[in-house]
Amino acid sequence: GLLSLIFLPSLEISTVNDESTVLPATSFFFVLMVAQEILLGVLIGFVTGLVFTTISISASMMSLQIGFRTANLFDPFINTPTSALEQFYTLLAIALFLTINGHHLFIQALAHTFQVVPIGSFILDQITINKLIILTGEIFTSATRIALPIMGTLLLADLGLGLVARAVPQVQVFFLGLPLKISLGLATLAFTLVLTTPMIKRLFSEINHHILVIGVN
């Protein structure tokens, strides 16, 4: 709401007086128009939050494989207990978001919506719903790509431990595997962080496009 008030003086007169924009004649239609804008704002926030959700899911997948889910910490951002690795990726995502001026991109996209989606013209139709479904489905694809190096490495480690347990039953694979998987997971994280960082930056750079896509039919 505050950003909208800030943008109001800079909006072109044609945005308000455009022929496609029907000004409300009664208070009922005015309330309906306000509800449309609120819904659009909620969807913009939802699309923006999808990126952070993607990173959180990928970190959760990695934590589960490494074994960090056994020790959870309270996350003040989402008010739920999360692993240390999830909090690390959350802070990393925030740092990368600010590094690429993601807040500037978000404000630019929000300002552009006044031209792409004039006031009172937004309609939540089937096309928009399909776009939201596609964007939501991409969460798991992107999260898997980010977590794939660690998950693949630990999968090979599990296969190796399984062969050891089969060949040498006297070896306590559980006690041997836990520190081994943690060490391998952290080592893989250190080596692949240089690859996952550009992927996270790309997700943030696409926020501008995704915000505009939901309003264009």
Protein backbone atom coordinates (compact mmCIF):
# COMPACT_ATOMS: atom_id res chain seq x y z
CA GLY A 1 0.00 0.00 0.00
CA LEU A 2 2.77 2.44 0.88
CA LEU A 3 4.62 1.67 -2.35
CA SER A 4 1.42 2.24 -4.33
CA LEU A 5 1.01 5.68 -2.77
CA ILE A 6 4.63 6.45 -3.64
CA PHE A 7 4.08 5.36 -7.25
CA LEU A 8 0.83 7.32 -7.65
CA PRO A 9 2.36 10.76 -8.49
CA SER A 10 4.63 9.20 -11.13
CA LEU A 11 1.87 7.30 -12.95
CA GLU A 12 0.85 8.53 -16.35
CA ILE A 13 -2.57 10.07 -16.65
CA SER A 14 -3.38 7.59 -19.41
CA THR A 15 -3.08 4.77 -16.89
CA VAL A 16 -6.10 6.08 -15.03
CA ASN A 17 -8.01 7.57 -17.95
CA ASP A 18 -7.39 4.67 -20.32
CA GLU A 19 -10.46 3.41 -22.17
CA SER A 20 -9.90 -0.10 -20.79
CA THR A 21 -10.11 1.22 -17.25
CA VAL A 22 -13.70 1.55 -16.06
CA LEU A 23 -14.02 3.84 -13.07
CA PRO A 24 -16.53 2.63 -10.45
CA ALA A 25 -19.89 4.40 -10.46
CA THR A 26 -21.08 3.05 -7.12
CA SER A 27 -19.43 2.15 -3.85
CA PHE A 28 -20.05 -1.55 -4.55
CA PHE A 29 -17.99 -1.47 -7.73
CA PHE A 30 -15.38 0.61 -5.94
CA VAL A 31 -15.04 -2.09 -3.28
CA LEU A 32 -14.89 -4.70 -6.03
CA MET A 33 -12.09 -2.80 -7.75
CA VAL A 34 -10.18 -2.50 -4.47
CA ALA A 35 -10.60 -6.26 -3.97
CA GLN A 36 -9.15 -6.83 -7.44
CA GLU A 37 -6.06 -4.79 -6.60
CA ILE A 38 -5.66 -6.55 -3.24
CA LEU A 39 -5.86 -9.92 -4.97
CA LEU A 40 -3.25 -8.83 -7.49
CA GLY A 41 -0.99 -7.68 -4.64
CA VAL A 42 -1.40 -11.02 -2.86
CA LEU A 43 -0.47 -12.88 -6.04
CA ILE A 44 2.60 -10.68 -6.53
CA GLY A 45 3.71 -11.46 -2.99
CA PHE A 46 2.99 -15.15 -3.57
CA VAL A 47 5.08 -15.27 -6.74
CA THR A 48 7.96 -13.47 -5.02
CA GLY A 49 7.81 -15.85 -2.07
CA LEU A 50 8.04 -18.84 -4.39
CA VAL A 51 11.76 -18.23 -4.86
CA PHE A 52 12.45 -18.31 -1.12
CA THR A 53 10.22 -21.37 -0.83
CA THR A 54 12.26 -23.09 -3.54
CA ILE A 55 15.50 -22.45 -1.66
CA SER A 56 13.94 -23.58 1.62
CA ILE A 57 12.72 -26.84 0.06
CA SER A 58 16.12 -27.56 -1.48
CA ALA A 59 17.85 -26.94 1.85
CA SER A 60 15.32 -29.18 3.60
CA MET A 61 16.02 -31.97 1.11
CA MET A 62 19.76 -31.64 1.67
CA SER A 63 19.37 -31.53 5.45
CA LEU A 64 17.31 -34.71 5.39
CA GLN A 65 19.98 -36.55 3.41
CA ILE A 66 22.90 -35.28 5.49
CA GLY A 67 21.18 -35.89 8.81
CA PHE A 68 20.80 -32.32 10.03
CA ARG A 69 17.06 -32.71 10.54
CA THR A 70 17.72 -34.39 13.89
CA ALA A 71 18.82 -31.04 15.34
CA ASN A 72 16.47 -28.18 14.50
CA LEU A 73 16.75 -24.50 15.32
CA PHE A 74 13.99 -21.92 15.54
CA ASP A 75 13.76 -19.85 12.39
CA PRO A 76 12.44 -16.33 13.15
CA PHE A 77 11.62 -15.72 9.47
CA ILE A 78 8.94 -18.40 9.21
CA ASN A 79 8.36 -19.06 12.93
CA THR A 80 9.02 -22.78 12.60
CA PRO A 81 11.92 -25.04 13.60
CA THR A 82 14.39 -25.63 10.78
CA SER A 83 17.83 -27.13 10.42
CA ALA A 84 21.05 -25.16 10.50
CA LEU A 85 21.54 -25.78 6.78
CA GLU A 86 18.11 -24.33 5.99
CA GLN A 87 18.92 -21.20 7.97
CA PHE A 88 22.26 -20.94 6.17
CA TYR A 89 20.56 -21.07 2.78
CA THR A 90 17.92 -18.60 3.91
CA LEU A 91 20.58 -16.08 4.91
CA LEU A 92 22.49 -16.83 1.70
CA ALA A 93 19.35 -16.19 -0.35
CA ILE A 94 18.74 -12.86 1.39
CA ALA A 95 22.36 -11.83 0.80
CA LEU A 96 22.19 -12.77 -2.88
CA PHE A 97 18.82 -11.03 -3.23
CA LEU A 98 20.36 -7.79 -1.99
CA THR A 99 23.57 -8.34 -3.98
CA ILE A 100 21.75 -8.39 -7.32
CA ASN A 101 19.52 -5.49 -6.21
CA GLY A 102 16.54 -7.79 -6.11
CA HIS A 103 14.57 -5.25 -4.10
CA HIS A 104 15.07 -2.77 -6.95
CA LEU A 105 13.87 -5.35 -9.48
CA PHE A 106 10.82 -6.03 -7.35
CA ILE A 107 9.94 -2.34 -7.10
CA GLN A 108 10.44 -1.89 -10.86
CA ALA A 109 8.16 -4.84 -11.57
CA LEU A 110 5.55 -3.50 -9.17
CA ALA A 111 5.65 -0.10 -10.86
CA HIS A 112 5.41 -1.72 -14.28
CA THR A 113 2.24 -3.58 -13.30
CA PHE A 114 0.35 -0.28 -13.34
CA GLN A 115 1.01 -0.09 -17.11
CA VAL A 116 0.70 -3.80 -17.90
CA VAL A 117 -2.34 -4.35 -15.67
CA PRO A 118 -4.30 -1.07 -15.45
CA ILE A 119 -6.32 -0.37 -12.35
CA GLY A 120 -9.49 -2.45 -12.29
CA SER A 121 -8.54 -4.62 -15.27
CA PHE A 122 -7.09 -7.63 -13.44
CA ILE A 123 -9.14 -10.82 -13.78
CA LEU A 124 -8.30 -14.11 -12.11
CA ASP A 125 -9.24 -16.31 -15.05
CA GLN A 126 -8.23 -19.84 -15.99
CA ILE A 127 -5.18 -18.61 -17.90
CA THR A 128 -3.80 -16.86 -14.82
CA ILE A 129 -4.55 -19.90 -12.65
CA ASN A 130 -2.69 -22.14 -15.10
CA LYS A 131 0.32 -19.81 -14.98
CA LEU A 132 0.32 -19.95 -11.17
CA ILE A 133 0.12 -23.74 -11.26
CA ILE A 134 3.09 -23.89 -13.63
CA LEU A 135 5.12 -21.51 -11.44
CA THR A 136 4.27 -23.54 -8.35
CA GLY A 137 5.30 -26.75 -10.08
CA GLU A 138 8.66 -25.23 -10.99
CA ILE A 139 9.43 -24.96 -7.26
CA PHE A 140 10.20 -28.66 -6.97
CA THR A 141 12.15 -28.75 -10.23
CA SER A 142 14.38 -25.85 -9.20
CA ALA A 143 14.73 -27.16 -5.64
CA THR A 144 15.86 -30.55 -6.95
CA ARG A 145 18.43 -28.92 -9.22
CA ILE A 146 19.92 -26.99 -6.32
CA ALA A 147 20.01 -30.02 -4.01
CA LEU A 148 21.04 -32.54 -6.68
CA PRO A 149 24.85 -32.43 -6.12
CA ILE A 150 24.58 -33.19 -2.41
CA MET A 151 21.74 -35.68 -2.82
CA GLY A 152 23.61 -37.51 -5.58
CA THR A 153 26.83 -37.68 -3.57
CA LEU A 154 25.08 -38.98 -0.48
CA LEU A 155 23.14 -41.51 -2.54
CA LEU A 156 26.44 -42.95 -3.75
CA ALA A 157 27.66 -42.94 -0.15
CA ASP A 158 24.57 -44.89 0.93
CA LEU A 159 25.18 -47.42 -1.83
CA GLY A 160 28.80 -47.78 -0.72
CA LEU A 161 27.80 -48.26 2.91
CA GLY A 162 25.25 -50.83 1.83
CA LEU A 163 27.94 -52.81 0.02
CA VAL A 164 30.21 -52.57 3.07
CA ALA A 165 27.42 -53.80 5.34
CA ARG A 166 26.81 -56.69 2.94
CA ALA A 167 30.48 -57.64 2.63
CA VAL A 168 31.50 -57.06 6.25
CA PRO A 169 28.50 -57.55 8.56
CA GLN A 170 30.66 -56.90 11.63
CA VAL A 171 31.05 -53.23 10.69
CA GLN A 172 28.58 -50.92 12.43
CA VAL A 173 27.46 -49.10 9.31
CA PHE A 174 25.05 -46.81 11.16
CA PHE A 175 27.70 -45.35 13.45
CA LEU A 176 30.17 -45.18 10.58
CA GLY A 177 27.74 -43.69 8.10
CA LEU A 178 26.44 -40.76 10.14
CA PRO A 179 29.74 -38.84 10.49
CA LEU A 180 30.74 -39.92 6.99
CA LYS A 181 27.57 -38.51 5.42
CA ILE A 182 27.90 -35.27 7.37
CA SER A 183 31.52 -34.86 6.23
CA LEU A 184 30.70 -35.70 2.63
CA GLY A 185 27.67 -33.41 2.67
CA LEU A 186 29.58 -30.42 3.99
CA ALA A 187 32.48 -31.06 1.60
CA THR A 188 30.12 -31.29 -1.36
CA LEU A 189 28.35 -28.14 -0.19
CA ALA A 190 31.67 -26.27 -0.08
CA PHE A 191 32.69 -27.41 -3.56
CA THR A 192 29.31 -26.91 -5.25
CA LEU A 193 28.35 -23.62 -3.63
CA VAL A 194 30.03 -21.80 -6.50
CA LEU A 195 27.61 -23.60 -8.86
CA THR A 196 24.41 -23.21 -6.84
CA THR A 197 24.93 -19.49 -6.22
CA PRO A 198 24.38 -18.52 -9.89
CA MET A 199 21.26 -20.73 -9.94
CA ILE A 200 19.81 -18.86 -6.97
CA LYS A 201 20.70 -15.51 -8.56
CA ARG A 202 18.91 -16.57 -11.75
CA LEU A 203 15.79 -17.44 -9.77
CA PHE A 204 15.76 -13.96 -8.24
CA SER A 205 16.40 -12.28 -11.59
CA GLU A 206 13.28 -13.98 -12.98
CA ILE A 207 10.99 -12.48 -10.31
CA ASN A 208 10.38 -9.41 -12.49
CA HIS A 209 9.24 -11.59 -15.38
CA HIS A 210 7.02 -13.84 -13.24
CA ILE A 211 5.26 -10.87 -11.64
CA LEU A 212 4.37 -9.42 -15.03
CA VAL A 213 3.36 -12.79 -16.48
CA ILE A 214 0.53 -13.37 -13.99
CA GLY A 215 -1.20 -10.18 -15.08
CA VAL A 216 -0.87 -10.62 -18.84
CA ASN A 217 -3.37 -12.92 -20.55
